[in-house]
């Protein structure tokens, strides 16, 4: 059951200035519950929701006996969670998104990333929370439920490859490709990948920001793989990755 706790309002937010909600953006905290709560309520960054890990000792020390979601910023306000960001031709996504931070102890040790699993109870609560949000914002479509790395691929890796995006899709939340269409494109690409300029257009058609250079192209490919092919997110554009991209565009962009 979804339980929303409003005991810890954040100080870092402002007005949306009339922007409608268009995206839901998922993050990991890369820190335990206690320090995440302090950061998101006191340090000039914020999110609308914080989803704890029920096994986190700092969460239990706060006196909670059941998993509940903390609403830190009201949905009609602009939380400061996405930073410099882009999706589907729009920048500054803080003004048009709902941000959800999920407690997870992901680490970046000098470019070597560790991505722990999300707990089963967390995923169930995340599904309930996103369903609840979409009930108020039916304009948010499947391709608008995103990771921070999708909208800021040059600098972010959250929520990482351990978030079960396909499971969210199967629960009616978010985009996923049709396997038969993916297989058809992958057979086609066995003879060679499309020209890079065409792949660039395909990434932008789906929603990603343009890649400014080779490094950006690889970072964006990695972000895409973390979302849609988590078992291998090396940043190398291969036939399978390209086939998934084209299958998604065919399904959601009509191309």
C-alpha atoms as a PDB file:
ATOM      1  CA  UNK A   1       0.000   0.000   0.000  1.00  0.00           C
ATOM      2  CA  UNK A   2       1.280   3.445  -0.930  1.00  0.00           C
ATOM      3  CA  UNK A   3       1.839   5.565   2.173  1.00  0.00           C
ATOM      4  CA  UNK A   4       2.978   9.185   1.674  1.00  0.00           C
ATOM      5  CA  UNK A   5       4.787  10.922   4.548  1.00  0.00           C
ATOM      6  CA  UNK A   6       5.025  14.736   4.476  1.00  0.00           C
ATOM      7  CA  UNK A   7       7.022  15.154   7.692  1.00  0.00           C
ATOM      8  CA  UNK A   8      10.177  16.520   6.021  1.00  0.00           C
ATOM      9  CA  UNK A   9       9.460  19.416   3.648  1.00  0.00           C
ATOM     10  CA  UNK A  10      12.415  20.582   1.560  1.00  0.00           C
ATOM     11  CA  UNK A  11      13.557  24.186   1.388  1.00  0.00           C
ATOM     12  CA  UNK A  12      14.941  24.009  -2.165  1.00  0.00           C
ATOM     13  CA  UNK A  13      12.122  24.629  -4.637  1.00  0.00           C
ATOM     14  CA  UNK A  14      10.371  27.391  -6.512  1.00  0.00           C
ATOM     15  CA  UNK A  15       7.359  27.969  -8.764  1.00  0.00           C
ATOM     16  CA  UNK A  16       6.760  26.068 -11.993  1.00  0.00           C
ATOM     17  CA  UNK A  17       5.674  29.274 -13.757  1.00  0.00           C
ATOM     18  CA  UNK A  18       2.813  27.558 -15.542  1.00  0.00           C
ATOM     19  CA  UNK A  19       4.802  24.676 -17.048  1.00  0.00           C
ATOM     20  CA  UNK A  20       2.704  21.463 -17.187  1.00  0.00           C
ATOM     21  CA  UNK A  21       4.224  18.269 -15.869  1.00  0.00           C
ATOM     22  CA  UNK A  22       5.624  16.348 -18.823  1.00  0.00           C
ATOM     23  CA  UNK A  23       8.123  13.861 -17.370  1.00  0.00           C
ATOM     24  CA  UNK A  24       8.764  11.664 -14.360  1.00  0.00           C
ATOM     25  CA  UNK A  25      12.515  11.364 -13.707  1.00  0.00           C
ATOM     26  CA  UNK A  26      14.016   8.623 -11.543  1.00  0.00           C
ATOM     27  CA  UNK A  27      17.270   8.976  -9.587  1.00  0.00           C
ATOM     28  CA  UNK A  28      19.351   7.037  -7.111  1.00  0.00           C
ATOM     29  CA  UNK A  29      20.683   8.812  -4.040  1.00  0.00           C
ATOM     30  CA  UNK A  30      24.142   7.137  -3.897  1.00  0.00           C
ATOM     31  CA  UNK A  31      23.870   7.630  -0.118  1.00  0.00           C
ATOM     32  CA  UNK A  32      21.962   6.143   2.848  1.00  0.00           C
ATOM     33  CA  UNK A  33      18.551   7.401   3.855  1.00  0.00           C
ATOM     34  CA  UNK A  34      19.681   9.744   6.637  1.00  0.00           C
ATOM     35  CA  UNK A  35      22.255  11.690   4.614  1.00  0.00           C
ATOM     36  CA  UNK A  36      20.024  11.632   1.523  1.00  0.00           C
ATOM     37  CA  UNK A  37      17.183  13.193   3.500  1.00  0.00           C
ATOM     38  CA  UNK A  38      19.467  15.947   4.814  1.00  0.00           C
ATOM     39  CA  UNK A  39      20.830  16.696   1.354  1.00  0.00           C
ATOM     40  CA  UNK A  40      17.424  16.767  -0.309  1.00  0.00           C
ATOM     41  CA  UNK A  41      15.818  18.979   2.312  1.00  0.00           C
ATOM     42  CA  UNK A  42      18.615  21.355   3.350  1.00  0.00           C
ATOM     43  CA  UNK A  43      21.414  21.597   0.789  1.00  0.00           C
ATOM     44  CA  UNK A  44      19.912  23.423  -2.198  1.00  0.00           C
ATOM     45  CA  UNK A  45      18.908  20.304  -4.113  1.00  0.00           C
ATOM     46  CA  UNK A  46      15.595  18.556  -3.772  1.00  0.00           C
ATOM     47  CA  UNK A  47      13.152  16.106  -5.262  1.00  0.00           C
ATOM     48  CA  UNK A  48       9.426  15.700  -5.000  1.00  0.00           C
ATOM     49  CA  UNK A  49       9.730  12.216  -3.515  1.00  0.00           C
ATOM     50  CA  UNK A  50      12.274  10.149  -1.604  1.00  0.00           C
ATOM     51  CA  UNK A  51      11.794   6.384  -1.670  1.00  0.00           C
ATOM     52  CA  UNK A  52      13.786   4.758   1.185  1.00  0.00           C
ATOM     53  CA  UNK A  53      15.349   1.328   1.439  1.00  0.00           C
ATOM     54  CA  UNK A  54      13.517  -0.429   4.306  1.00  0.00           C
ATOM     55  CA  UNK A  55      16.727  -2.310   5.206  1.00  0.00           C
ATOM     56  CA  UNK A  56      18.734   0.896   5.623  1.00  0.00           C
ATOM     57  CA  UNK A  57      19.808   1.226   9.266  1.00  0.00           C
ATOM     58  CA  UNK A  58      19.371   5.025   9.182  1.00  0.00           C
ATOM     59  CA  UNK A  59      15.772   4.551   8.007  1.00  0.00           C
ATOM     60  CA  UNK A  60      15.019   2.161  10.842  1.00  0.00           C
ATOM     61  CA  UNK A  61      16.792   4.475  13.286  1.00  0.00           C
ATOM     62  CA  UNK A  62      14.355   7.224  12.273  1.00  0.00           C
ATOM     63  CA  UNK A  63      11.598   5.129  13.820  1.00  0.00           C
ATOM     64  CA  UNK A  64       9.918   3.819  10.683  1.00  0.00           C
ATOM     65  CA  UNK A  65       8.496   0.308  10.830  1.00  0.00           C
ATOM     66  CA  UNK A  66       6.980   0.175   7.336  1.00  0.00           C
ATOM     67  CA  UNK A  67       8.156   1.414   3.974  1.00  0.00           C
ATOM     68  CA  UNK A  68       6.646   4.743   3.092  1.00  0.00           C
ATOM     69  CA  UNK A  69       7.422   7.404   0.507  1.00  0.00           C
ATOM     70  CA  UNK A  70       8.455  10.849   1.714  1.00  0.00           C
ATOM     71  CA  UNK A  71       7.029  13.789  -0.219  1.00  0.00           C
ATOM     72  CA  UNK A  72       9.611  16.547   0.141  1.00  0.00           C
ATOM     73  CA  UNK A  73       8.219  19.034  -2.387  1.00  0.00           C
ATOM     74  CA  UNK A  74       4.606  19.452  -3.450  1.00  0.00           C
ATOM     75  CA  UNK A  75       3.966  18.420  -7.033  1.00  0.00           C
ATOM     76  CA  UNK A  76       2.808  21.873  -8.088  1.00  0.00           C
ATOM     77  CA  UNK A  77       6.242  23.262  -7.177  1.00  0.00           C
ATOM     78  CA  UNK A  78       9.518  23.051  -9.102  1.00  0.00           C
ATOM     79  CA  UNK A  79      11.987  20.778  -7.313  1.00  0.00           C
ATOM     80  CA  UNK A  80      15.719  21.008  -8.061  1.00  0.00           C
ATOM     81  CA  UNK A  81      16.598  17.477  -9.103  1.00  0.00           C
ATOM     82  CA  UNK A  82      17.449  17.258 -12.821  1.00  0.00           C
ATOM     83  CA  UNK A  83      19.850  20.168 -13.321  1.00  0.00           C
ATOM     84  CA  UNK A  84      20.974  20.839 -16.883  1.00  0.00           C
ATOM     85  CA  UNK A  85      18.787  18.403 -18.800  1.00  0.00           C
ATOM     86  CA  UNK A  86      17.071  17.749 -22.123  1.00  0.00           C
ATOM     87  CA  UNK A  87      14.353  15.509 -23.498  1.00  0.00           C
ATOM     88  CA  UNK A  88      12.363  15.576 -26.735  1.00  0.00           C
ATOM     89  CA  UNK A  89      13.473  19.049 -27.727  1.00  0.00           C
ATOM     90  CA  UNK A  90      12.961  20.627 -24.307  1.00  0.00           C
ATOM     91  CA  UNK A  91      15.612  21.833 -21.865  1.00  0.00           C
ATOM     92  CA  UNK A  92      15.389  22.724 -18.167  1.00  0.00           C
ATOM     93  CA  UNK A  93      13.289  19.749 -17.182  1.00  0.00           C
ATOM     94  CA  UNK A  94      13.021  20.792 -13.541  1.00  0.00           C
ATOM     95  CA  UNK A  95      10.244  23.099 -14.697  1.00  0.00           C
ATOM     96  CA  UNK A  96       8.178  20.289 -16.186  1.00  0.00           C
ATOM     97  CA  UNK A  97       8.971  17.107 -14.270  1.00  0.00           C
ATOM     98  CA  UNK A  98       8.360  15.144 -11.095  1.00  0.00           C
ATOM     99  CA  UNK A  99      11.593  13.906  -9.493  1.00  0.00           C
ATOM    100  CA  UNK A 100      11.822  10.657  -7.518  1.00  0.00           C
ATOM    101  CA  UNK A 101      14.982   9.823  -5.556  1.00  0.00           C
ATOM    102  CA  UNK A 102      15.434   6.147  -4.637  1.00  0.00           C
ATOM    103  CA  UNK A 103      17.817   5.244  -1.830  1.00  0.00           C
ATOM    104  CA  UNK A 104      20.533   3.073  -3.371  1.00  0.00           C
ATOM    105  CA  UNK A 105      24.237   2.944  -2.539  1.00  0.00           C
ATOM    106  CA  UNK A 106      25.623   3.164  -6.060  1.00  0.00           C
ATOM    107  CA  UNK A 107      29.270   4.278  -6.187  1.00  0.00           C
ATOM    108  CA  UNK A 108      31.651   5.815  -8.675  1.00  0.00           C
ATOM    109  CA  UNK A 109      35.215   4.973  -7.677  1.00  0.00           C
ATOM    110  CA  UNK A 110      37.303   6.912 -10.172  1.00  0.00           C
ATOM    111  CA  UNK A 111      35.107   5.920 -13.072  1.00  0.00           C
ATOM    112  CA  UNK A 112      34.541   2.345 -11.852  1.00  0.00           C
ATOM    113  CA  UNK A 113      30.829   2.087 -11.075  1.00  0.00           C
ATOM    114  CA  UNK A 114      29.140  -0.229  -8.601  1.00  0.00           C
ATOM    115  CA  UNK A 115      25.368  -0.569  -8.951  1.00  0.00           C
ATOM    116  CA  UNK A 116      23.632  -2.499  -6.141  1.00  0.00           C
ATOM    117  CA  UNK A 117      20.278  -4.167  -6.704  1.00  0.00           C
ATOM    118  CA  UNK A 118      17.102  -2.356  -5.756  1.00  0.00           C
ATOM    119  CA  UNK A 119      14.999  -4.109  -3.145  1.00  0.00           C
ATOM    120  CA  UNK A 120      11.813  -5.895  -4.115  1.00  0.00           C
ATOM    121  CA  UNK A 121       9.763  -3.768  -1.726  1.00  0.00           C
ATOM    122  CA  UNK A 122      11.288  -0.622  -3.209  1.00  0.00           C
ATOM    123  CA  UNK A 123      10.293  -1.643  -6.736  1.00  0.00           C
ATOM    124  CA  UNK A 124       6.754  -2.481  -5.684  1.00  0.00           C
ATOM    125  CA  UNK A 125       6.459   0.888  -3.948  1.00  0.00           C
ATOM    126  CA  UNK A 126       7.975   2.683  -6.947  1.00  0.00           C
ATOM    127  CA  UNK A 127       5.356   1.136  -9.228  1.00  0.00           C
ATOM    128  CA  UNK A 128       2.586   2.222  -6.858  1.00  0.00           C
ATOM    129  CA  UNK A 129       4.014   5.741  -6.613  1.00  0.00           C
ATOM    130  CA  UNK A 130       4.426   6.268 -10.357  1.00  0.00           C
ATOM    131  CA  UNK A 131       0.925   4.921 -10.991  1.00  0.00           C
ATOM    132  CA  UNK A 132      -0.402   7.370  -8.439  1.00  0.00           C
ATOM    133  CA  UNK A 133       1.461  10.266 -10.084  1.00  0.00           C
ATOM    134  CA  UNK A 134       0.269   9.364 -13.580  1.00  0.00           C
ATOM    135  CA  UNK A 135      -3.301   9.381 -12.341  1.00  0.00           C
ATOM    136  CA  UNK A 136      -2.897  13.145 -11.957  1.00  0.00           C
ATOM    137  CA  UNK A 137      -0.848  13.698 -15.118  1.00  0.00           C
ATOM    138  CA  UNK A 138      -2.239  11.534 -17.923  1.00  0.00           C
ATOM    139  CA  UNK A 139      -0.256  13.614 -20.427  1.00  0.00           C
ATOM    140  CA  UNK A 140       2.944  11.882 -19.254  1.00  0.00           C
ATOM    141  CA  UNK A 141       3.410   9.132 -21.835  1.00  0.00           C
ATOM    142  CA  UNK A 142       5.541   5.957 -21.785  1.00  0.00           C
ATOM    143  CA  UNK A 143       8.561   7.717 -23.296  1.00  0.00           C
ATOM    144  CA  UNK A 144       8.427  10.378 -20.593  1.00  0.00           C
ATOM    145  CA  UNK A 145       9.207   8.075 -17.660  1.00  0.00           C
ATOM    146  CA  UNK A 146      12.965   8.436 -17.622  1.00  0.00           C
ATOM    147  CA  UNK A 147      16.206   8.077 -15.765  1.00  0.00           C
ATOM    148  CA  UNK A 148      18.383  11.029 -14.844  1.00  0.00           C
ATOM    149  CA  UNK A 149      20.989   9.535 -17.174  1.00  0.00           C
ATOM    150  CA  UNK A 150      18.537   9.712 -20.087  1.00  0.00           C
ATOM    151  CA  UNK A 151      18.101  13.451 -19.713  1.00  0.00           C
ATOM    152  CA  UNK A 152      21.669  14.297 -18.605  1.00  0.00           C
ATOM    153  CA  UNK A 153      23.730  11.519 -20.160  1.00  0.00           C
ATOM    154  CA  UNK A 154      27.028  13.418 -20.212  1.00  0.00           C
ATOM    155  CA  UNK A 155      27.207  13.666 -16.422  1.00  0.00           C
ATOM    156  CA  UNK A 156      24.794  11.227 -14.760  1.00  0.00           C
ATOM    157  CA  UNK A 157      24.400   7.456 -14.388  1.00  0.00           C
ATOM    158  CA  UNK A 158      21.337   7.242 -12.148  1.00  0.00           C
ATOM    159  CA  UNK A 159      19.188   5.285 -11.624  1.00  0.00           C
ATOM    160  CA  UNK A 160      21.702   2.845 -13.149  1.00  0.00           C
ATOM    161  CA  UNK A 161      21.311  -0.494 -14.937  1.00  0.00           C
ATOM    162  CA  UNK A 162      19.819  -2.308 -11.946  1.00  0.00           C
ATOM    163  CA  UNK A 163      16.471  -0.557 -12.152  1.00  0.00           C
ATOM    164  CA  UNK A 164      14.095  -3.089 -13.794  1.00  0.00           C
ATOM    165  CA  UNK A 165      12.701  -0.891 -16.560  1.00  0.00           C
ATOM    166  CA  UNK A 166      11.085  -3.827 -18.369  1.00  0.00           C
ATOM    167  CA  UNK A 167       9.196  -4.742 -15.206  1.00  0.00           C
ATOM    168  CA  UNK A 168       7.948  -1.174 -14.900  1.00  0.00           C
ATOM    169  CA  UNK A 169       6.765  -1.349 -18.513  1.00  0.00           C
ATOM    170  CA  UNK A 170       4.970  -4.620 -17.830  1.00  0.00           C
ATOM    171  CA  UNK A 171       3.215  -2.832 -14.966  1.00  0.00           C
ATOM    172  CA  UNK A 172       2.018  -0.230 -17.478  1.00  0.00           C
ATOM    173  CA  UNK A 173       4.719   2.348 -16.741  1.00  0.00           C
ATOM    174  CA  UNK A 174       7.283   3.491 -19.268  1.00  0.00           C
ATOM    175  CA  UNK A 175       8.526   2.431 -22.671  1.00  0.00           C
ATOM    176  CA  UNK A 176       9.906  -0.887 -23.851  1.00  0.00           C
ATOM    177  CA  UNK A 177      10.534  -2.377 -27.277  1.00  0.00           C
ATOM    178  CA  UNK A 178       8.713  -5.229 -28.980  1.00  0.00           C
ATOM    179  CA  UNK A 179      11.009  -8.236 -29.195  1.00  0.00           C
ATOM    180  CA  UNK A 180       9.926  -9.283 -32.681  1.00  0.00           C
ATOM    181  CA  UNK A 181      10.612  -5.808 -34.052  1.00  0.00           C
ATOM    182  CA  UNK A 182      13.991  -5.728 -32.313  1.00  0.00           C
ATOM    183  CA  UNK A 183      14.889  -9.090 -33.876  1.00  0.00           C
ATOM    184  CA  UNK A 184      13.829  -7.916 -37.334  1.00  0.00           C
ATOM    185  CA  UNK A 185      16.054  -4.839 -37.146  1.00  0.00           C
ATOM    186  CA  UNK A 186      18.944  -6.813 -35.713  1.00  0.00           C
ATOM    187  CA  UNK A 187      18.840  -9.226 -38.646  1.00  0.00           C
ATOM    188  CA  UNK A 188      18.890  -6.229 -40.972  1.00  0.00           C
ATOM    189  CA  UNK A 189      21.860  -4.698 -39.185  1.00  0.00           C
ATOM    190  CA  UNK A 190      23.902  -7.909 -39.443  1.00  0.00           C
ATOM    191  CA  UNK A 191      24.952  -6.591 -42.864  1.00  0.00           C
ATOM    192  CA  UNK A 192      26.117  -3.333 -41.325  1.00  0.00           C
ATOM    193  CA  UNK A 193      24.889  -0.541 -39.081  1.00  0.00           C
ATOM    194  CA  UNK A 194      23.197   2.571 -40.446  1.00  0.00           C
ATOM    195  CA  UNK A 195      25.368   5.598 -41.075  1.00  0.00           C
ATOM    196  CA  UNK A 196      26.256   7.440 -37.895  1.00  0.00           C
ATOM    197  CA  UNK A 197      24.317  10.534 -38.987  1.00  0.00           C
ATOM    198  CA  UNK A 198      21.187   8.398 -39.329  1.00  0.00           C
ATOM    199  CA  UNK A 199      21.721   6.844 -35.885  1.00  0.00           C
ATOM    200  CA  UNK A 200      22.203  10.352 -34.481  1.00  0.00           C
ATOM    201  CA  UNK A 201      18.825  11.339 -35.885  1.00  0.00           C
ATOM    202  CA  UNK A 202      17.269   8.194 -34.418  1.00  0.00           C
ATOM    203  CA  UNK A 203      18.555   8.994 -30.928  1.00  0.00           C
ATOM    204  CA  UNK A 204      17.224  12.544 -31.184  1.00  0.00           C
ATOM    205  CA  UNK A 205      13.907  11.313 -32.587  1.00  0.00           C
ATOM    206  CA  UNK A 206      13.396   9.165 -29.516  1.00  0.00           C
ATOM    207  CA  UNK A 207      14.141  12.116 -27.232  1.00  0.00           C
ATOM    208  CA  UNK A 208      17.848  12.249 -26.411  1.00  0.00           C
ATOM    209  CA  UNK A 209      19.886  15.431 -26.684  1.00  0.00           C
ATOM    210  CA  UNK A 210      22.279  15.723 -29.647  1.00  0.00           C
ATOM    211  CA  UNK A 211      25.777  14.356 -29.143  1.00  0.00           C
ATOM    212  CA  UNK A 212      28.369  17.098 -29.543  1.00  0.00           C
ATOM    213  CA  UNK A 213      31.356  14.799 -30.121  1.00  0.00           C
ATOM    214  CA  UNK A 214      32.510  11.171 -30.074  1.00  0.00           C
ATOM    215  CA  UNK A 215      32.632  11.068 -26.273  1.00  0.00           C
ATOM    216  CA  UNK A 216      29.085  12.390 -26.102  1.00  0.00           C
ATOM    217  CA  UNK A 217      27.912   9.749 -28.584  1.00  0.00           C
ATOM    218  CA  UNK A 218      29.383   7.012 -26.385  1.00  0.00           C
ATOM    219  CA  UNK A 219      27.964   8.512 -23.178  1.00  0.00           C
ATOM    220  CA  UNK A 220      24.513   8.686 -24.716  1.00  0.00           C
ATOM    221  CA  UNK A 221      24.790   5.118 -26.016  1.00  0.00           C
ATOM    222  CA  UNK A 222      25.766   3.975 -22.516  1.00  0.00           C
ATOM    223  CA  UNK A 223      22.784   5.790 -20.977  1.00  0.00           C
ATOM    224  CA  UNK A 224      20.469   4.200 -23.534  1.00  0.00           C
ATOM    225  CA  UNK A 225      21.915   0.769 -22.803  1.00  0.00           C
ATOM    226  CA  UNK A 226      21.531   1.214 -19.043  1.00  0.00           C
ATOM    227  CA  UNK A 227      17.829   1.799 -19.679  1.00  0.00           C
ATOM    228  CA  UNK A 228      17.109  -0.738 -22.421  1.00  0.00           C
ATOM    229  CA  UNK A 229      19.959  -3.304 -22.364  1.00  0.00           C
ATOM    230  CA  UNK A 230      21.278  -3.387 -18.842  1.00  0.00           C
ATOM    231  CA  UNK A 231      23.305  -6.604 -19.144  1.00  0.00           C
ATOM    232  CA  UNK A 232      25.870  -4.790 -21.324  1.00  0.00           C
ATOM    233  CA  UNK A 233      26.152  -1.006 -21.077  1.00  0.00           C
ATOM    234  CA  UNK A 234      29.660  -0.501 -22.450  1.00  0.00           C
ATOM    235  CA  UNK A 235      28.749   2.532 -24.571  1.00  0.00           C
ATOM    236  CA  UNK A 236      29.642   0.756 -27.845  1.00  0.00           C
ATOM    237  CA  UNK A 237      26.982   0.977 -30.544  1.00  0.00           C
ATOM    238  CA  UNK A 238      26.426  -2.568 -31.768  1.00  0.00           C
ATOM    239  CA  UNK A 239      23.703  -4.161 -33.852  1.00  0.00           C
ATOM    240  CA  UNK A 240      21.517  -5.088 -30.896  1.00  0.00           C
ATOM    241  CA  UNK A 241      21.611  -1.606 -29.368  1.00  0.00           C
ATOM    242  CA  UNK A 242      20.822  -0.028 -32.717  1.00  0.00           C
ATOM    243  CA  UNK A 243      17.991  -2.500 -33.292  1.00  0.00           C
ATOM    244  CA  UNK A 244      16.449  -1.657 -29.905  1.00  0.00           C
ATOM    245  CA  UNK A 245      16.604   2.055 -30.727  1.00  0.00           C
ATOM    246  CA  UNK A 246      14.915   1.583 -34.087  1.00  0.00           C
ATOM    247  CA  UNK A 247      12.288  -0.732 -32.582  1.00  0.00           C
ATOM    248  CA  UNK A 248      11.461   1.874 -29.954  1.00  0.00           C
ATOM    249  CA  UNK A 249      11.113   4.612 -32.568  1.00  0.00           C
ATOM    250  CA  UNK A 250       8.839   2.417 -34.663  1.00  0.00           C
ATOM    251  CA  UNK A 251       6.641   1.661 -31.658  1.00  0.00           C
ATOM    252  CA  UNK A 252       6.461   5.110 -30.055  1.00  0.00           C
ATOM    253  CA  UNK A 253       7.436   7.638 -32.726  1.00  0.00           C
ATOM    254  CA  UNK A 254       5.696   6.017 -35.673  1.00  0.00           C
ATOM    255  CA  UNK A 255       8.948   5.745 -37.633  1.00  0.00           C
END
